[in-house]
Each structure stands twice: as C-alpha cells, then as structure tokens.
Amino acid sequence: MNINRSVTLSLLQLIRDLTNKATELEGVGIKLVATDEMIEKITATMFEINGVKPMSVGPLHLSLIDYISGDIEEHDFISLLFTAGAAVR
C-alpha cells in the first residue's frame, strides 16, 4: 500500500470519527466550532496530499459527505479522490 493511500485512509477515519463525535455532542446540545474547523483542515490536507486542487473539490465534498454517512464505501471515495488528483497533475 502506498503512503498516500495509507495517510488518506487514516485521515478519512479521523474525519468520520470527528463527525460522529460532533453529531453525538450536538445530540445533547453541545456545538463545537473547533470540531468543524478541524474537519475542514483535515479535509483540505487530505485533498492536498492527493494533489487535488481547491477549485476541483466541489463534487468531492459531496462524495465525502456520502462516505461519512455510509452511503458510499471507503474504496469508492478513495477511487474518486485519486482520479481527481490524477486529473490535475
């Protein structure tokens, strides 16, 4: 497994964990802006590591939301991410 894929998988899991924790906290009336900011920074880092330009991430954000919600599998999101990164290289 290449290093980009390993790091991307770890970042995806971190995004999912943070999102789930934020949802759990919101369920008891706690909203942490810091959690949203961390998720945004981690997402931007993941896109940067994979060579995805900021202008081309629109559809990937939707796919990331689908991944977090469980609507698409990890390998499907990674495939979309790597394709988007390869297209801008």
Protein backbone atom coordinates (compact mmCIF):
# COMPACT_ATOMS: atom_id res chain seq x y z
CA MET A 1 0.00 0.00 0.00
CA ASN A 2 1.48 3.36 -0.95
CA ILE A 3 1.99 6.09 1.63
CA ASN A 4 -0.63 8.48 0.15
CA ARG A 5 -3.27 5.77 0.38
CA SER A 6 -2.31 4.91 3.97
CA VAL A 7 -2.37 8.54 5.08
CA THR A 8 -5.62 9.17 3.20
CA LEU A 9 -7.27 6.18 4.88
CA SER A 10 -6.16 7.44 8.29
CA LEU A 11 -7.43 10.95 7.56
CA LEU A 12 -10.76 9.58 6.32
CA GLN A 13 -11.18 7.62 9.52
CA LEU A 14 -10.30 10.70 11.57
CA ILE A 15 -12.86 12.78 9.65
CA ARG A 16 -15.52 10.12 10.20
CA ASP A 17 -14.68 9.83 13.92
CA LEU A 18 -14.75 13.62 14.44
CA THR A 19 -18.01 13.92 12.55
CA ASN A 20 -19.60 11.15 14.61
CA LYS A 21 -18.37 12.73 17.86
CA ALA A 22 -19.68 16.15 16.80
CA THR A 23 -23.06 14.62 15.98
CA GLU A 24 -23.11 12.85 19.34
CA LEU A 25 -22.33 16.09 21.18
CA GLU A 26 -24.92 18.03 19.22
CA GLY A 27 -27.44 15.41 20.31
CA VAL A 28 -27.01 16.60 23.89
CA GLY A 29 -26.97 20.29 22.96
CA ILE A 30 -23.23 20.95 22.58
CA LYS A 31 -21.95 22.53 19.36
CA LEU A 32 -18.19 22.80 19.00
CA VAL A 33 -16.98 25.10 16.25
CA ALA A 34 -13.47 23.73 16.78
CA THR A 35 -14.62 20.30 15.59
CA ASP A 36 -15.91 21.75 12.32
CA GLU A 37 -12.68 23.69 11.84
CA MET A 38 -10.58 20.56 12.45
CA ILE A 39 -12.64 18.58 9.95
CA GLU A 40 -12.17 21.33 7.35
CA LYS A 41 -8.39 21.42 7.92
CA ILE A 42 -8.08 17.63 7.79
CA THR A 43 -10.15 17.54 4.60
CA ALA A 44 -8.01 20.24 2.98
CA THR A 45 -4.86 18.37 3.98
CA MET A 46 -6.21 15.12 2.54
CA PHE A 47 -7.00 16.84 -0.75
CA GLU A 48 -3.57 18.49 -0.83
CA ILE A 49 -1.75 15.21 -0.15
CA ASN A 50 -3.58 13.68 -3.10
CA GLY A 51 -2.87 16.58 -5.45
CA VAL A 52 -6.46 17.77 -5.68
CA LYS A 53 -6.72 21.47 -6.46
CA PRO A 54 -9.08 23.53 -4.29
CA MET A 55 -11.14 24.59 -7.34
CA SER A 56 -11.94 20.98 -8.25
CA VAL A 57 -13.08 19.67 -4.85
CA GLY A 58 -16.78 20.60 -5.13
CA PRO A 59 -18.03 17.15 -6.14
CA LEU A 60 -15.52 15.51 -3.79
CA HIS A 61 -17.06 17.32 -0.82
CA LEU A 62 -20.40 15.75 -1.74
CA SER A 63 -18.73 12.36 -2.04
CA LEU A 64 -17.03 12.89 1.31
CA ILE A 65 -20.42 13.57 2.88
CA ASP A 66 -21.69 10.37 1.26
CA TYR A 67 -18.70 8.47 2.68
CA ILE A 68 -19.20 9.87 6.19
CA SER A 69 -22.89 8.97 6.11
CA GLY A 70 -22.07 5.46 4.91
CA ASP A 71 -23.76 5.88 1.53
CA ILE A 72 -20.55 5.03 -0.33
CA GLU A 73 -17.71 2.76 0.67
CA GLU A 74 -14.19 3.86 1.55
CA HIS A 75 -12.70 2.36 -1.61
CA ASP A 76 -15.22 4.23 -3.78
CA PHE A 77 -14.29 7.57 -2.22
CA ILE A 78 -10.57 6.83 -2.49
CA SER A 79 -11.03 5.98 -6.16
CA LEU A 80 -12.82 9.29 -6.78
CA LEU A 81 -10.14 11.16 -4.82
CA PHE A 82 -7.23 9.56 -6.67
CA THR A 83 -8.95 10.15 -10.03
CA ALA A 84 -9.48 13.83 -9.19
CA GLY A 85 -5.84 14.13 -8.07
CA ALA A 86 -4.55 12.42 -11.19
CA ALA A 87 -6.64 14.68 -13.41
CA VAL A 88 -4.92 17.81 -12.12
CA ARG A 89 -1.36 16.56 -12.11
